[in-house]
């Protein structure tokens, strides 16, 4: 009899990796391609997929005021807002897929990645309004991943979990799962991760 496995995807991490790789907001097809790549891994050949869990949060919305030029913007009109909602709604309809949604919190403003890169390359200069972006944080996503890992392990619903993430905060959940007899596989999508994250899994795909 074949064993079972589940795939747990850190949505924020995967979207960031795909956006950097493909230079556009990720599509359902691109995320499904990553899932298919995992399913075809030889280490899972003798196992049956039970479910894919995709962890994300609603896109940020509301009015924010730039601290440099005092211009107010509506985040719900940003193209990524509609793209995120469309992606999440489409993923909900995929076979064997379950979405787990956290929350989105805005913590003021911060220098954007482009501005930081420019300053490192060209040296100090006066910052402008365009250098700043809202500091948006997903909350409750790691918690939901950890709770599902614990549930899958305690109830022995699967034999293997494949976790797609680069977040070392997952280490305690990985340790717990392995103590409960679950095999933990990590897919970090070629992202640079801390040694601890690799040390507390059974296999890095």
C-alpha atoms as a PDB file:
ATOM      1  CA  UNK A   1       0.000   0.000   0.000  1.00  0.00           C
ATOM      2  CA  UNK A   2       1.335   3.427  -0.944  1.00  0.00           C
ATOM      3  CA  UNK A   3       2.072   5.963   1.759  1.00  0.00           C
ATOM      4  CA  UNK A   4       0.805   9.539   1.596  1.00  0.00           C
ATOM      5  CA  UNK A   5       2.406  12.956   1.539  1.00  0.00           C
ATOM      6  CA  UNK A   6       1.280  16.582   1.738  1.00  0.00           C
ATOM      7  CA  UNK A   7       2.840  19.700   0.246  1.00  0.00           C
ATOM      8  CA  UNK A   8       2.824  22.848   2.395  1.00  0.00           C
ATOM      9  CA  UNK A   9       3.637  26.030   0.479  1.00  0.00           C
ATOM     10  CA  UNK A  10       4.675  29.336   2.036  1.00  0.00           C
ATOM     11  CA  UNK A  11       2.803  31.480  -0.480  1.00  0.00           C
ATOM     12  CA  UNK A  12       4.602  34.747   0.217  1.00  0.00           C
ATOM     13  CA  UNK A  13       7.973  33.049  -0.224  1.00  0.00           C
ATOM     14  CA  UNK A  14       7.003  31.275  -3.453  1.00  0.00           C
ATOM     15  CA  UNK A  15       5.436  34.382  -4.996  1.00  0.00           C
ATOM     16  CA  UNK A  16       8.574  36.392  -4.257  1.00  0.00           C
ATOM     17  CA  UNK A  17      10.844  33.720  -5.767  1.00  0.00           C
ATOM     18  CA  UNK A  18       8.709  33.359  -8.914  1.00  0.00           C
ATOM     19  CA  UNK A  19       8.376  37.128  -9.357  1.00  0.00           C
ATOM     20  CA  UNK A  20      12.161  37.515  -9.172  1.00  0.00           C
ATOM     21  CA  UNK A  21      12.729  34.582 -11.544  1.00  0.00           C
ATOM     22  CA  UNK A  22      10.133  35.529 -14.176  1.00  0.00           C
ATOM     23  CA  UNK A  23      10.007  39.319 -13.741  1.00  0.00           C
ATOM     24  CA  UNK A  24       6.219  39.418 -13.395  1.00  0.00           C
ATOM     25  CA  UNK A  25       3.534  38.627 -10.841  1.00  0.00           C
ATOM     26  CA  UNK A  26       3.171  34.830 -10.562  1.00  0.00           C
ATOM     27  CA  UNK A  27       0.398  32.984 -12.360  1.00  0.00           C
ATOM     28  CA  UNK A  28      -1.561  29.919 -11.283  1.00  0.00           C
ATOM     29  CA  UNK A  29       0.170  27.955 -14.045  1.00  0.00           C
ATOM     30  CA  UNK A  30       3.610  28.862 -12.672  1.00  0.00           C
ATOM     31  CA  UNK A  31       2.665  27.798  -9.153  1.00  0.00           C
ATOM     32  CA  UNK A  32       1.138  24.581 -10.486  1.00  0.00           C
ATOM     33  CA  UNK A  33       4.385  23.948 -12.385  1.00  0.00           C
ATOM     34  CA  UNK A  34       6.302  24.106  -9.092  1.00  0.00           C
ATOM     35  CA  UNK A  35       3.830  21.677  -7.520  1.00  0.00           C
ATOM     36  CA  UNK A  36       4.197  19.304 -10.482  1.00  0.00           C
ATOM     37  CA  UNK A  37       7.990  19.496 -10.187  1.00  0.00           C
ATOM     38  CA  UNK A  38       7.719  18.354  -6.562  1.00  0.00           C
ATOM     39  CA  UNK A  39       5.211  15.599  -7.365  1.00  0.00           C
ATOM     40  CA  UNK A  40       7.584  14.182  -9.986  1.00  0.00           C
ATOM     41  CA  UNK A  41      10.535  14.023  -7.597  1.00  0.00           C
ATOM     42  CA  UNK A  42      11.845  10.421  -7.470  1.00  0.00           C
ATOM     43  CA  UNK A  43      11.843  10.522  -3.665  1.00  0.00           C
ATOM     44  CA  UNK A  44       8.030  10.704  -3.765  1.00  0.00           C
ATOM     45  CA  UNK A  45       7.506   8.069  -6.452  1.00  0.00           C
ATOM     46  CA  UNK A  46       6.101   5.496  -4.021  1.00  0.00           C
ATOM     47  CA  UNK A  47       3.755   7.943  -2.282  1.00  0.00           C
ATOM     48  CA  UNK A  48       0.342   9.410  -3.085  1.00  0.00           C
ATOM     49  CA  UNK A  49      -0.450  13.112  -2.720  1.00  0.00           C
ATOM     50  CA  UNK A  50      -3.050  13.736  -0.041  1.00  0.00           C
ATOM     51  CA  UNK A  51      -3.340  17.521  -0.386  1.00  0.00           C
ATOM     52  CA  UNK A  52      -1.516  20.759  -1.176  1.00  0.00           C
ATOM     53  CA  UNK A  53      -1.783  23.521   1.434  1.00  0.00           C
ATOM     54  CA  UNK A  54      -1.085  27.065   0.244  1.00  0.00           C
ATOM     55  CA  UNK A  55      -0.518  29.676   2.956  1.00  0.00           C
ATOM     56  CA  UNK A  56      -1.000  33.338   2.146  1.00  0.00           C
ATOM     57  CA  UNK A  57      -2.719  36.512   3.332  1.00  0.00           C
ATOM     58  CA  UNK A  58      -5.139  38.960   1.707  1.00  0.00           C
ATOM     59  CA  UNK A  59      -3.431  41.818  -0.158  1.00  0.00           C
ATOM     60  CA  UNK A  60      -3.027  45.033   1.796  1.00  0.00           C
ATOM     61  CA  UNK A  61      -5.752  47.624   1.318  1.00  0.00           C
ATOM     62  CA  UNK A  62      -6.630  51.061   2.644  1.00  0.00           C
ATOM     63  CA  UNK A  63      -5.146  54.540   2.414  1.00  0.00           C
ATOM     64  CA  UNK A  64      -1.460  55.231   3.120  1.00  0.00           C
ATOM     65  CA  UNK A  65       0.378  58.561   3.097  1.00  0.00           C
ATOM     66  CA  UNK A  66       3.957  58.821   1.865  1.00  0.00           C
ATOM     67  CA  UNK A  67       6.117  60.433   4.598  1.00  0.00           C
ATOM     68  CA  UNK A  68       8.224  62.386   2.091  1.00  0.00           C
ATOM     69  CA  UNK A  69       5.698  64.120  -0.168  1.00  0.00           C
ATOM     70  CA  UNK A  70       2.518  63.509   1.909  1.00  0.00           C
ATOM     71  CA  UNK A  71       0.733  62.016  -1.107  1.00  0.00           C
ATOM     72  CA  UNK A  72      -2.032  59.585  -0.112  1.00  0.00           C
ATOM     73  CA  UNK A  73      -2.487  56.375  -2.090  1.00  0.00           C
ATOM     74  CA  UNK A  74      -5.180  53.702  -2.055  1.00  0.00           C
ATOM     75  CA  UNK A  75      -3.485  50.300  -1.874  1.00  0.00           C
ATOM     76  CA  UNK A  76      -6.593  48.567  -3.194  1.00  0.00           C
ATOM     77  CA  UNK A  77      -6.024  50.253  -6.585  1.00  0.00           C
ATOM     78  CA  UNK A  78      -2.505  48.834  -6.966  1.00  0.00           C
ATOM     79  CA  UNK A  79      -2.283  46.247  -9.788  1.00  0.00           C
ATOM     80  CA  UNK A  80      -0.852  43.648  -7.380  1.00  0.00           C
ATOM     81  CA  UNK A  81      -3.984  43.908  -5.218  1.00  0.00           C
ATOM     82  CA  UNK A  82      -6.257  42.621  -7.974  1.00  0.00           C
ATOM     83  CA  UNK A  83      -3.603  40.132  -9.127  1.00  0.00           C
ATOM     84  CA  UNK A  84      -3.304  38.673  -5.620  1.00  0.00           C
ATOM     85  CA  UNK A  85      -7.043  38.274  -5.210  1.00  0.00           C
ATOM     86  CA  UNK A  86      -7.355  36.675  -8.643  1.00  0.00           C
ATOM     87  CA  UNK A  87      -4.494  34.271  -7.880  1.00  0.00           C
ATOM     88  CA  UNK A  88      -5.902  33.250  -4.503  1.00  0.00           C
ATOM     89  CA  UNK A  89      -9.395  32.691  -5.892  1.00  0.00           C
ATOM     90  CA  UNK A  90      -8.001  30.577  -8.730  1.00  0.00           C
ATOM     91  CA  UNK A  91      -5.839  28.488  -6.396  1.00  0.00           C
ATOM     92  CA  UNK A  92      -8.882  27.730  -4.238  1.00  0.00           C
ATOM     93  CA  UNK A  93     -10.427  25.932  -7.213  1.00  0.00           C
ATOM     94  CA  UNK A  94      -7.411  23.751  -7.987  1.00  0.00           C
ATOM     95  CA  UNK A  95      -7.761  19.996  -7.299  1.00  0.00           C
ATOM     96  CA  UNK A  96      -6.460  18.804  -3.925  1.00  0.00           C
ATOM     97  CA  UNK A  97      -5.674  22.389  -2.895  1.00  0.00           C
ATOM     98  CA  UNK A  98      -6.538  24.105   0.390  1.00  0.00           C
ATOM     99  CA  UNK A  99      -5.836  27.771   1.119  1.00  0.00           C
ATOM    100  CA  UNK A 100      -4.908  28.872   4.626  1.00  0.00           C
ATOM    101  CA  UNK A 101      -5.188  32.638   5.035  1.00  0.00           C
ATOM    102  CA  UNK A 102      -3.430  34.806   7.584  1.00  0.00           C
ATOM    103  CA  UNK A 103      -3.720  38.574   8.004  1.00  0.00           C
ATOM    104  CA  UNK A 104      -1.997  41.602   6.493  1.00  0.00           C
ATOM    105  CA  UNK A 105      -0.705  44.478   8.630  1.00  0.00           C
ATOM    106  CA  UNK A 106       0.874  47.765   7.485  1.00  0.00           C
ATOM    107  CA  UNK A 107       3.747  49.100   9.621  1.00  0.00           C
ATOM    108  CA  UNK A 108       4.429  52.521   8.132  1.00  0.00           C
ATOM    109  CA  UNK A 109       6.972  52.908   5.338  1.00  0.00           C
ATOM    110  CA  UNK A 110      10.434  51.566   4.481  1.00  0.00           C
ATOM    111  CA  UNK A 111      13.076  51.945   1.789  1.00  0.00           C
ATOM    112  CA  UNK A 112      12.188  49.765  -1.185  1.00  0.00           C
ATOM    113  CA  UNK A 113      14.519  47.087  -2.567  1.00  0.00           C
ATOM    114  CA  UNK A 114      15.249  49.160  -5.679  1.00  0.00           C
ATOM    115  CA  UNK A 115      16.259  52.174  -3.565  1.00  0.00           C
ATOM    116  CA  UNK A 116      18.500  50.078  -1.311  1.00  0.00           C
ATOM    117  CA  UNK A 117      20.197  48.518  -4.338  1.00  0.00           C
ATOM    118  CA  UNK A 118      20.677  51.958  -5.913  1.00  0.00           C
ATOM    119  CA  UNK A 119      22.194  53.403  -2.732  1.00  0.00           C
ATOM    120  CA  UNK A 120      24.578  50.466  -2.386  1.00  0.00           C
ATOM    121  CA  UNK A 121      25.673  50.810  -6.000  1.00  0.00           C
ATOM    122  CA  UNK A 122      25.875  54.586  -6.332  1.00  0.00           C
ATOM    123  CA  UNK A 123      26.545  55.728  -2.778  1.00  0.00           C
ATOM    124  CA  UNK A 124      24.748  58.173  -0.508  1.00  0.00           C
ATOM    125  CA  UNK A 125      22.215  60.599  -1.947  1.00  0.00           C
ATOM    126  CA  UNK A 126      19.065  62.391  -0.865  1.00  0.00           C
ATOM    127  CA  UNK A 127      16.099  60.038  -0.709  1.00  0.00           C
ATOM    128  CA  UNK A 128      12.893  60.801  -2.596  1.00  0.00           C
ATOM    129  CA  UNK A 129       9.257  59.824  -2.173  1.00  0.00           C
ATOM    130  CA  UNK A 130       9.673  57.141  -4.829  1.00  0.00           C
ATOM    131  CA  UNK A 131      12.319  55.403  -2.710  1.00  0.00           C
ATOM    132  CA  UNK A 132       9.775  54.450  -0.050  1.00  0.00           C
ATOM    133  CA  UNK A 133       7.191  51.668  -0.076  1.00  0.00           C
ATOM    134  CA  UNK A 134       4.618  50.612   2.538  1.00  0.00           C
ATOM    135  CA  UNK A 135       6.049  48.142   5.069  1.00  0.00           C
ATOM    136  CA  UNK A 136       3.533  45.307   4.714  1.00  0.00           C
ATOM    137  CA  UNK A 137       3.707  42.239   6.958  1.00  0.00           C
ATOM    138  CA  UNK A 138       1.827  38.956   6.794  1.00  0.00           C
ATOM    139  CA  UNK A 139       0.729  37.770  10.235  1.00  0.00           C
ATOM    140  CA  UNK A 140      -0.477  34.346  11.289  1.00  0.00           C
ATOM    141  CA  UNK A 141       0.905  32.525   8.247  1.00  0.00           C
ATOM    142  CA  UNK A 142       3.789  30.808  10.068  1.00  0.00           C
ATOM    143  CA  UNK A 143       1.395  29.901  12.875  1.00  0.00           C
ATOM    144  CA  UNK A 144      -1.004  28.212  10.458  1.00  0.00           C
ATOM    145  CA  UNK A 145       1.821  26.270   8.820  1.00  0.00           C
ATOM    146  CA  UNK A 146       3.034  25.120  12.228  1.00  0.00           C
ATOM    147  CA  UNK A 147      -0.447  24.082  13.353  1.00  0.00           C
ATOM    148  CA  UNK A 148      -1.026  22.057  10.195  1.00  0.00           C
ATOM    149  CA  UNK A 149       2.352  20.354  10.555  1.00  0.00           C
ATOM    150  CA  UNK A 150       1.443  19.401  14.132  1.00  0.00           C
ATOM    151  CA  UNK A 151      -2.012  18.148  13.091  1.00  0.00           C
ATOM    152  CA  UNK A 152      -0.653  16.060  10.228  1.00  0.00           C
ATOM    153  CA  UNK A 153       1.973  14.557  12.522  1.00  0.00           C
ATOM    154  CA  UNK A 154      -0.182  13.843  15.580  1.00  0.00           C
ATOM    155  CA  UNK A 155      -3.056  12.357  13.593  1.00  0.00           C
ATOM    156  CA  UNK A 156      -0.650  10.467  11.308  1.00  0.00           C
ATOM    157  CA  UNK A 157      -2.552  11.646   8.228  1.00  0.00           C
ATOM    158  CA  UNK A 158       0.544  11.425   6.017  1.00  0.00           C
ATOM    159  CA  UNK A 159       3.994   9.858   6.063  1.00  0.00           C
ATOM    160  CA  UNK A 160       5.863  12.785   4.507  1.00  0.00           C
ATOM    161  CA  UNK A 161       5.425  16.542   4.380  1.00  0.00           C
ATOM    162  CA  UNK A 162       7.169  18.618   1.731  1.00  0.00           C
ATOM    163  CA  UNK A 163       7.489  22.198   2.958  1.00  0.00           C
ATOM    164  CA  UNK A 164       8.279  24.918   0.419  1.00  0.00           C
ATOM    165  CA  UNK A 165       9.843  27.779   2.359  1.00  0.00           C
ATOM    166  CA  UNK A 166      13.041  29.607   3.189  1.00  0.00           C
ATOM    167  CA  UNK A 167      11.951  30.595   6.692  1.00  0.00           C
ATOM    168  CA  UNK A 168      14.095  29.274   9.542  1.00  0.00           C
ATOM    169  CA  UNK A 169      11.211  29.995  11.945  1.00  0.00           C
ATOM    170  CA  UNK A 170       9.864  26.626  10.784  1.00  0.00           C
ATOM    171  CA  UNK A 171      12.622  24.740  12.644  1.00  0.00           C
ATOM    172  CA  UNK A 172      10.606  24.104  15.863  1.00  0.00           C
ATOM    173  CA  UNK A 173       7.686  22.712  13.827  1.00  0.00           C
ATOM    174  CA  UNK A 174      10.082  20.508  11.846  1.00  0.00           C
ATOM    175  CA  UNK A 175      11.633  19.163  15.055  1.00  0.00           C
ATOM    176  CA  UNK A 176       8.193  18.338  16.460  1.00  0.00           C
ATOM    177  CA  UNK A 177       7.067  16.583  13.287  1.00  0.00           C
ATOM    178  CA  UNK A 178      10.176  14.413  13.175  1.00  0.00           C
ATOM    179  CA  UNK A 179       9.809  13.465  16.842  1.00  0.00           C
ATOM    180  CA  UNK A 180       6.278  12.307  15.986  1.00  0.00           C
ATOM    181  CA  UNK A 181       7.648  10.053  13.239  1.00  0.00           C
ATOM    182  CA  UNK A 182       6.874  12.237  10.227  1.00  0.00           C
ATOM    183  CA  UNK A 183       9.468  12.567   7.481  1.00  0.00           C
ATOM    184  CA  UNK A 184      10.105  16.223   6.609  1.00  0.00           C
ATOM    185  CA  UNK A 185      11.343  17.255   3.157  1.00  0.00           C
ATOM    186  CA  UNK A 186      12.397  20.829   2.389  1.00  0.00           C
ATOM    187  CA  UNK A 187      12.159  22.632  -0.955  1.00  0.00           C
ATOM    188  CA  UNK A 188      13.786  26.077  -0.679  1.00  0.00           C
ATOM    189  CA  UNK A 189      13.718  26.786  -4.444  1.00  0.00           C
ATOM    190  CA  UNK A 190      17.489  27.387  -4.544  1.00  0.00           C
ATOM    191  CA  UNK A 191      17.116  30.198  -1.997  1.00  0.00           C
ATOM    192  CA  UNK A 192      19.960  30.797   0.431  1.00  0.00           C
ATOM    193  CA  UNK A 193      18.762  29.406   3.777  1.00  0.00           C
ATOM    194  CA  UNK A 194      20.277  28.997   7.226  1.00  0.00           C
ATOM    195  CA  UNK A 195      22.025  25.749   8.056  1.00  0.00           C
ATOM    196  CA  UNK A 196      19.502  25.053  10.865  1.00  0.00           C
ATOM    197  CA  UNK A 197      16.681  24.793   8.358  1.00  0.00           C
ATOM    198  CA  UNK A 198      18.515  22.072   6.430  1.00  0.00           C
ATOM    199  CA  UNK A 199      19.749  20.321   9.578  1.00  0.00           C
ATOM    200  CA  UNK A 200      16.261  19.601  10.897  1.00  0.00           C
ATOM    201  CA  UNK A 201      14.739  17.969   7.813  1.00  0.00           C
ATOM    202  CA  UNK A 202      15.146  14.467   6.423  1.00  0.00           C
ATOM    203  CA  UNK A 203      15.805  15.546   2.859  1.00  0.00           C
ATOM    204  CA  UNK A 204      16.345  18.702   0.823  1.00  0.00           C
ATOM    205  CA  UNK A 205      14.726  18.385  -2.604  1.00  0.00           C
END
